[in-house]
Amino acid sequence: MKKNKNLTSLDDFIEKEVGPMGSKKRNKFEIEYEAFKLGLLLQQARKERGLTQVQVAEFAGTNKSYISKLEKNLKDIRFSTLHRIITEGLGGHLNISINF
């Protein structure tokens, strides 16, 4: 397989455009990316369960607007609220890990 000299890996692209790991700009990017992933995970889980944002909100004791903002990464979330949305709203289980 030929290697295309015009292609760049995602890691190299991020390094060039955002900065090296440990830089202030890169740290901000990584934090925002994690929040984006959380919103996407919530949206995917909701769709896999066949639920609307309204249903998840009702089950979790919040409102549709809040669920929508979380899915679009427009709102910060408290851990207790995240736990409630996952367990009561989606009927799931929250797993947490710390990676270094």
Protein backbone atom coordinates (compact mmCIF):
# COMPACT_ATOMS: atom_id res chain seq x y z
CA MET A 1 0.00 0.00 0.00
CA LYS A 2 1.37 3.40 -0.99
CA LYS A 3 1.74 6.09 1.63
CA ASN A 4 0.21 9.39 0.59
CA LYS A 5 2.54 12.24 1.52
CA ASN A 6 -0.41 14.66 1.60
CA LEU A 7 -2.19 12.83 4.42
CA THR A 8 -1.70 13.75 8.05
CA SER A 9 -2.68 11.66 11.07
CA LEU A 10 -5.27 13.10 13.42
CA ASP A 11 -2.69 13.25 16.22
CA ASP A 12 -0.28 15.20 14.02
CA PHE A 13 -3.05 17.53 12.87
CA ILE A 14 -4.13 18.29 16.44
CA GLU A 15 -0.53 18.80 17.50
CA LYS A 16 0.01 21.28 14.66
CA GLU A 17 -3.30 23.15 14.94
CA VAL A 18 -3.89 23.11 18.71
CA GLY A 19 -0.45 22.62 20.18
CA PRO A 20 1.56 20.01 22.04
CA MET A 21 0.24 17.99 24.98
CA GLY A 22 0.62 19.98 28.18
CA SER A 23 0.24 23.40 26.56
CA LYS A 24 -2.53 25.66 27.84
CA LYS A 25 -4.35 25.67 24.50
CA ARG A 26 -4.11 21.87 24.17
CA ASN A 27 -5.35 21.29 27.74
CA LYS A 28 -8.39 23.48 27.02
CA PHE A 29 -9.00 21.55 23.79
CA GLU A 30 -8.78 18.18 25.59
CA ILE A 31 -11.25 19.27 28.30
CA GLU A 32 -13.72 20.54 25.70
CA TYR A 33 -13.30 17.35 23.68
CA GLU A 34 -14.17 15.22 26.72
CA ALA A 35 -17.33 17.29 27.26
CA PHE A 36 -18.22 16.84 23.58
CA LYS A 37 -17.76 13.07 23.90
CA LEU A 38 -20.03 12.99 26.95
CA GLY A 39 -22.80 14.76 25.05
CA LEU A 40 -22.41 12.39 22.14
CA LEU A 41 -22.46 9.34 24.44
CA LEU A 42 -25.66 10.55 26.08
CA GLN A 43 -27.28 11.12 22.69
CA GLN A 44 -26.23 7.69 21.39
CA ALA A 45 -27.44 5.95 24.54
CA ARG A 46 -30.79 7.74 24.33
CA LYS A 47 -31.25 6.76 20.70
CA GLU A 48 -30.22 3.15 21.35
CA ARG A 49 -32.91 2.98 24.04
CA GLY A 50 -35.44 4.43 21.58
CA LEU A 51 -36.16 7.41 23.81
CA THR A 52 -36.84 11.04 23.01
CA GLN A 53 -35.20 13.91 24.86
CA VAL A 54 -38.58 14.61 26.45
CA GLN A 55 -38.84 11.06 27.79
CA VAL A 56 -35.32 11.07 29.23
CA ALA A 57 -35.98 14.44 30.84
CA GLU A 58 -39.23 13.24 32.40
CA PHE A 59 -37.64 10.06 33.76
CA ALA A 60 -34.67 12.00 35.15
CA GLY A 61 -36.70 14.87 36.61
CA THR A 62 -35.34 17.59 34.35
CA ASN A 63 -36.51 19.21 31.11
CA LYS A 64 -35.99 18.60 27.41
CA SER A 65 -34.05 21.83 26.97
CA TYR A 66 -31.45 20.67 29.51
CA ILE A 67 -31.02 17.28 27.82
CA SER A 68 -30.69 19.00 24.44
CA LYS A 69 -28.02 21.38 25.75
CA LEU A 70 -26.07 18.48 27.24
CA GLU A 71 -26.16 16.57 23.97
CA LYS A 72 -24.93 19.65 22.10
CA ASN A 73 -22.21 20.37 24.70
CA LEU A 74 -23.77 23.73 25.55
CA LYS A 75 -24.16 23.10 29.28
CA ASP A 76 -21.93 21.92 32.11
CA ILE A 77 -23.33 19.13 34.21
CA ARG A 78 -23.11 18.22 37.88
CA PHE A 79 -22.09 14.67 38.65
CA SER A 80 -25.30 13.98 40.59
CA THR A 81 -27.39 15.15 37.62
CA LEU A 82 -25.36 13.07 35.18
CA HIS A 83 -25.81 10.03 37.40
CA ARG A 84 -29.58 10.62 37.59
CA ILE A 85 -29.90 11.06 33.81
CA ILE A 86 -28.01 7.84 33.15
CA THR A 87 -29.67 5.70 35.81
CA GLU A 88 -33.21 7.06 35.89
CA GLY A 89 -33.47 8.72 32.48
CA LEU A 90 -31.73 6.05 30.42
CA GLY A 91 -31.97 3.05 32.73
CA GLY A 92 -28.22 2.57 32.53
CA HIS A 93 -25.24 2.36 34.85
CA LEU A 94 -22.49 4.97 35.09
CA ASN A 95 -18.92 3.62 35.04
CA ILE A 96 -16.08 5.92 36.01
CA SER A 97 -12.36 5.49 35.56
CA ILE A 98 -9.27 7.60 36.00
CA ASN A 99 -6.54 7.34 33.38
CA PHE A 100 -3.06 8.78 33.44
